[in-house]
Amino acid sequence: MKFVKKTWGFEAGIVLLAVFLAWTFGGGLAARGLTLGVATVGFSVLASWGMIRLLRYSEPTSQSGAKTAILLFLLKAPILGAGVVYANSLGTLAMNWFLAGVGLVYCDLVFRVSLDARRQDPGT
């Protein structure tokens, strides 16, 4: 997973470009919806990743780390739900760009996994 840490700058650049494009083509509501989608789903993905890392090791390194991972995992659904409700309250434009942000995060996950798999198995 060392490769994953090296791609944060690239991903941040993609998100900033996407927010700029949303602002250019849809205005402030579009940029707010996209940012909200990326933030809420990004939090959900990071909470799931923390739980997977916790379960991967038989003994957690610290009790506070285990409690934090469990708390974040349990909070991810309400935070995602609140993001959906807020984006929907802003209007159709914000909700459409919210869903675009969700898609951006999940496309990034596929990109990240495929690059990590290729790095581990260079024969493909």
C-alpha atoms as a PDB file:
ATOM      1  CA  MET A   1       0.000   0.000   0.000  1.00  0.00           C
ATOM      2  CA  LYS A   2       2.995   2.327  -0.204  1.00  0.00           C
ATOM      3  CA  PHE A   3       1.926   3.229  -3.733  1.00  0.00           C
ATOM      4  CA  VAL A   4      -1.393   4.532  -2.414  1.00  0.00           C
ATOM      5  CA  LYS A   5       0.326   7.230  -0.364  1.00  0.00           C
ATOM      6  CA  LYS A   6       2.117   8.569  -3.436  1.00  0.00           C
ATOM      7  CA  THR A   7      -1.080   9.285  -5.388  1.00  0.00           C
ATOM      8  CA  TRP A   8      -2.738  11.747  -2.980  1.00  0.00           C
ATOM      9  CA  GLY A   9      -1.364  14.761  -4.845  1.00  0.00           C
ATOM     10  CA  PHE A  10      -2.694  13.475  -8.158  1.00  0.00           C
ATOM     11  CA  GLU A  11      -6.109  12.806  -6.646  1.00  0.00           C
ATOM     12  CA  ALA A  12      -6.248  16.215  -5.003  1.00  0.00           C
ATOM     13  CA  GLY A  13      -5.449  17.789  -8.365  1.00  0.00           C
ATOM     14  CA  ILE A  14      -8.243  15.841 -10.048  1.00  0.00           C
ATOM     15  CA  VAL A  15     -10.735  16.943  -7.380  1.00  0.00           C
ATOM     16  CA  LEU A  16      -9.663  20.587  -7.665  1.00  0.00           C
ATOM     17  CA  LEU A  17      -9.999  20.422 -11.448  1.00  0.00           C
ATOM     18  CA  ALA A  18     -13.456  18.850 -11.092  1.00  0.00           C
ATOM     19  CA  VAL A  19     -14.581  21.557  -8.649  1.00  0.00           C
ATOM     20  CA  PHE A  20     -13.270  24.243 -11.005  1.00  0.00           C
ATOM     21  CA  LEU A  21     -15.163  22.695 -13.917  1.00  0.00           C
ATOM     22  CA  ALA A  22     -18.314  22.391 -11.808  1.00  0.00           C
ATOM     23  CA  TRP A  23     -18.013  26.063 -10.840  1.00  0.00           C
ATOM     24  CA  THR A  24     -17.412  27.054 -14.464  1.00  0.00           C
ATOM     25  CA  PHE A  25     -20.320  25.126 -15.956  1.00  0.00           C
ATOM     26  CA  GLY A  26     -22.828  25.105 -13.117  1.00  0.00           C
ATOM     27  CA  GLY A  27     -21.954  27.909 -10.737  1.00  0.00           C
ATOM     28  CA  GLY A  28     -21.729  27.856  -6.977  1.00  0.00           C
ATOM     29  CA  LEU A  29     -24.445  25.260  -6.400  1.00  0.00           C
ATOM     30  CA  ALA A  30     -22.734  22.792  -8.722  1.00  0.00           C
ATOM     31  CA  ALA A  31     -19.375  23.283  -7.018  1.00  0.00           C
ATOM     32  CA  ARG A  32     -20.995  22.906  -3.603  1.00  0.00           C
ATOM     33  CA  GLY A  33     -22.762  19.709  -4.661  1.00  0.00           C
ATOM     34  CA  LEU A  34     -19.606  18.183  -6.125  1.00  0.00           C
ATOM     35  CA  THR A  35     -17.542  19.087  -3.083  1.00  0.00           C
ATOM     36  CA  LEU A  36     -20.189  17.649  -0.791  1.00  0.00           C
ATOM     37  CA  GLY A  37     -20.301  14.406  -2.788  1.00  0.00           C
ATOM     38  CA  VAL A  38     -16.533  13.989  -2.786  1.00  0.00           C
ATOM     39  CA  ALA A  39     -16.276  14.803   0.924  1.00  0.00           C
ATOM     40  CA  THR A  40     -19.057  12.543   2.185  1.00  0.00           C
ATOM     41  CA  VAL A  41     -18.180   9.536   0.035  1.00  0.00           C
ATOM     42  CA  GLY A  42     -14.477  10.119   0.641  1.00  0.00           C
ATOM     43  CA  PHE A  43     -15.152   9.980   4.373  1.00  0.00           C
ATOM     44  CA  SER A  44     -17.169   6.793   3.889  1.00  0.00           C
ATOM     45  CA  VAL A  45     -14.355   5.159   1.941  1.00  0.00           C
ATOM     46  CA  LEU A  46     -11.727   6.169   4.489  1.00  0.00           C
ATOM     47  CA  ALA A  47     -13.883   4.861   7.354  1.00  0.00           C
ATOM     48  CA  SER A  48     -14.319   1.533   5.570  1.00  0.00           C
ATOM     49  CA  TRP A  49     -10.597   1.385   4.859  1.00  0.00           C
ATOM     50  CA  GLY A  50      -9.838   1.956   8.549  1.00  0.00           C
ATOM     51  CA  MET A  51     -12.179  -0.860   9.549  1.00  0.00           C
ATOM     52  CA  ILE A  52     -10.618  -3.215   7.001  1.00  0.00           C
ATOM     53  CA  ARG A  53      -7.144  -2.385   8.306  1.00  0.00           C
ATOM     54  CA  LEU A  54      -8.347  -3.010  11.842  1.00  0.00           C
ATOM     55  CA  LEU A  55      -9.805  -6.398  10.938  1.00  0.00           C
ATOM     56  CA  ARG A  56      -6.752  -7.386   8.921  1.00  0.00           C
ATOM     57  CA  TYR A  57      -4.587  -7.580  12.007  1.00  0.00           C
ATOM     58  CA  SER A  58      -5.536 -10.099  14.659  1.00  0.00           C
ATOM     59  CA  GLU A  59      -4.500  -7.812  17.515  1.00  0.00           C
ATOM     60  CA  PRO A  60      -5.188  -4.095  17.265  1.00  0.00           C
ATOM     61  CA  THR A  61      -2.170  -1.945  18.009  1.00  0.00           C
ATOM     62  CA  SER A  62      -4.113   0.260  20.407  1.00  0.00           C
ATOM     63  CA  GLN A  63      -7.571   0.237  21.932  1.00  0.00           C
ATOM     64  CA  SER A  64      -8.132   3.902  21.129  1.00  0.00           C
ATOM     65  CA  GLY A  65      -7.329   3.265  17.463  1.00  0.00           C
ATOM     66  CA  ALA A  66      -9.788   0.379  17.390  1.00  0.00           C
ATOM     67  CA  LYS A  67     -12.503   2.465  19.042  1.00  0.00           C
ATOM     68  CA  THR A  68     -11.908   5.329  16.623  1.00  0.00           C
ATOM     69  CA  ALA A  69     -12.111   3.031  13.589  1.00  0.00           C
ATOM     70  CA  ILE A  70     -15.342   1.473  14.840  1.00  0.00           C
ATOM     71  CA  LEU A  71     -16.858   4.881  15.613  1.00  0.00           C
ATOM     72  CA  LEU A  72     -15.987   6.237  12.164  1.00  0.00           C
ATOM     73  CA  PHE A  73     -17.380   3.107  10.509  1.00  0.00           C
ATOM     74  CA  LEU A  74     -20.674   3.511  12.384  1.00  0.00           C
ATOM     75  CA  LEU A  75     -20.875   7.227  11.538  1.00  0.00           C
ATOM     76  CA  LYS A  76     -20.304   6.839   7.802  1.00  0.00           C
ATOM     77  CA  ALA A  77     -23.918   5.999   6.874  1.00  0.00           C
ATOM     78  CA  PRO A  78     -25.511   8.911   8.786  1.00  0.00           C
ATOM     79  CA  ILE A  79     -22.949  11.344   7.371  1.00  0.00           C
ATOM     80  CA  LEU A  80     -23.577  10.097   3.836  1.00  0.00           C
ATOM     81  CA  GLY A  81     -27.337  10.323   4.412  1.00  0.00           C
ATOM     82  CA  ALA A  82     -27.025  13.874   5.725  1.00  0.00           C
ATOM     83  CA  GLY A  83     -24.987  14.795   2.646  1.00  0.00           C
ATOM     84  CA  VAL A  84     -27.669  13.389   0.352  1.00  0.00           C
ATOM     85  CA  VAL A  85     -30.443  15.236   2.198  1.00  0.00           C
ATOM     86  CA  TYR A  86     -28.513  18.522   2.178  1.00  0.00           C
ATOM     87  CA  ALA A  87     -27.608  18.241  -1.523  1.00  0.00           C
ATOM     88  CA  ASN A  88     -31.223  17.437  -2.330  1.00  0.00           C
ATOM     89  CA  SER A  89     -32.387  20.483  -0.368  1.00  0.00           C
ATOM     90  CA  LEU A  90     -30.130  22.701  -2.504  1.00  0.00           C
ATOM     91  CA  GLY A  91     -31.893  21.610  -5.675  1.00  0.00           C
ATOM     92  CA  THR A  92     -31.560  19.344  -8.667  1.00  0.00           C
ATOM     93  CA  LEU A  93     -28.358  20.933  -9.933  1.00  0.00           C
ATOM     94  CA  ALA A  94     -26.529  20.388  -6.636  1.00  0.00           C
ATOM     95  CA  MET A  95     -27.848  16.827  -6.375  1.00  0.00           C
ATOM     96  CA  ASN A  96     -26.664  15.990  -9.895  1.00  0.00           C
ATOM     97  CA  TRP A  97     -23.186  17.296  -9.132  1.00  0.00           C
ATOM     98  CA  PHE A  98     -23.262  15.496  -5.769  1.00  0.00           C
ATOM     99  CA  LEU A  99     -23.759  12.247  -7.680  1.00  0.00           C
ATOM    100  CA  ALA A 100     -20.932  13.239 -10.019  1.00  0.00           C
ATOM    101  CA  GLY A 101     -18.701  13.598  -6.938  1.00  0.00           C
ATOM    102  CA  VAL A 102     -19.766  10.151  -5.761  1.00  0.00           C
ATOM    103  CA  GLY A 103     -18.865   8.736  -9.155  1.00  0.00           C
ATOM    104  CA  LEU A 104     -15.518  10.530  -9.103  1.00  0.00           C
ATOM    105  CA  VAL A 105     -14.565   8.940  -5.785  1.00  0.00           C
ATOM    106  CA  TYR A 106     -15.559   5.449  -6.869  1.00  0.00           C
ATOM    107  CA  CYS A 107     -13.759   5.804 -10.215  1.00  0.00           C
ATOM    108  CA  ASP A 108     -10.695   6.838  -8.235  1.00  0.00           C
ATOM    109  CA  LEU A 109     -11.031   3.684  -6.133  1.00  0.00           C
ATOM    110  CA  VAL A 110     -11.082   1.509  -9.233  1.00  0.00           C
ATOM    111  CA  PHE A 111      -8.083   3.401 -10.617  1.00  0.00           C
ATOM    112  CA  ARG A 112      -6.191   2.990  -7.360  1.00  0.00           C
ATOM    113  CA  VAL A 113      -6.897  -0.737  -7.048  1.00  0.00           C
ATOM    114  CA  SER A 114      -5.995  -1.442 -10.670  1.00  0.00           C
ATOM    115  CA  LEU A 115      -2.680   0.400 -10.352  1.00  0.00           C
ATOM    116  CA  ASP A 116      -1.873  -1.350  -7.084  1.00  0.00           C
ATOM    117  CA  ALA A 117      -2.713  -4.759  -8.614  1.00  0.00           C
ATOM    118  CA  ARG A 118      -0.559  -4.009 -11.647  1.00  0.00           C
ATOM    119  CA  ARG A 119       2.325  -2.985  -9.406  1.00  0.00           C
ATOM    120  CA  GLN A 120       2.079  -6.242  -7.447  1.00  0.00           C
ATOM    121  CA  ASP A 121       1.729  -8.418 -10.580  1.00  0.00           C
ATOM    122  CA  PRO A 122       3.743  -6.825 -13.411  1.00  0.00           C
ATOM    123  CA  GLY A 123       3.030  -9.771 -15.756  1.00  0.00           C
ATOM    124  CA  THR A 124      -0.460  -8.493 -16.636  1.00  0.00           C
END
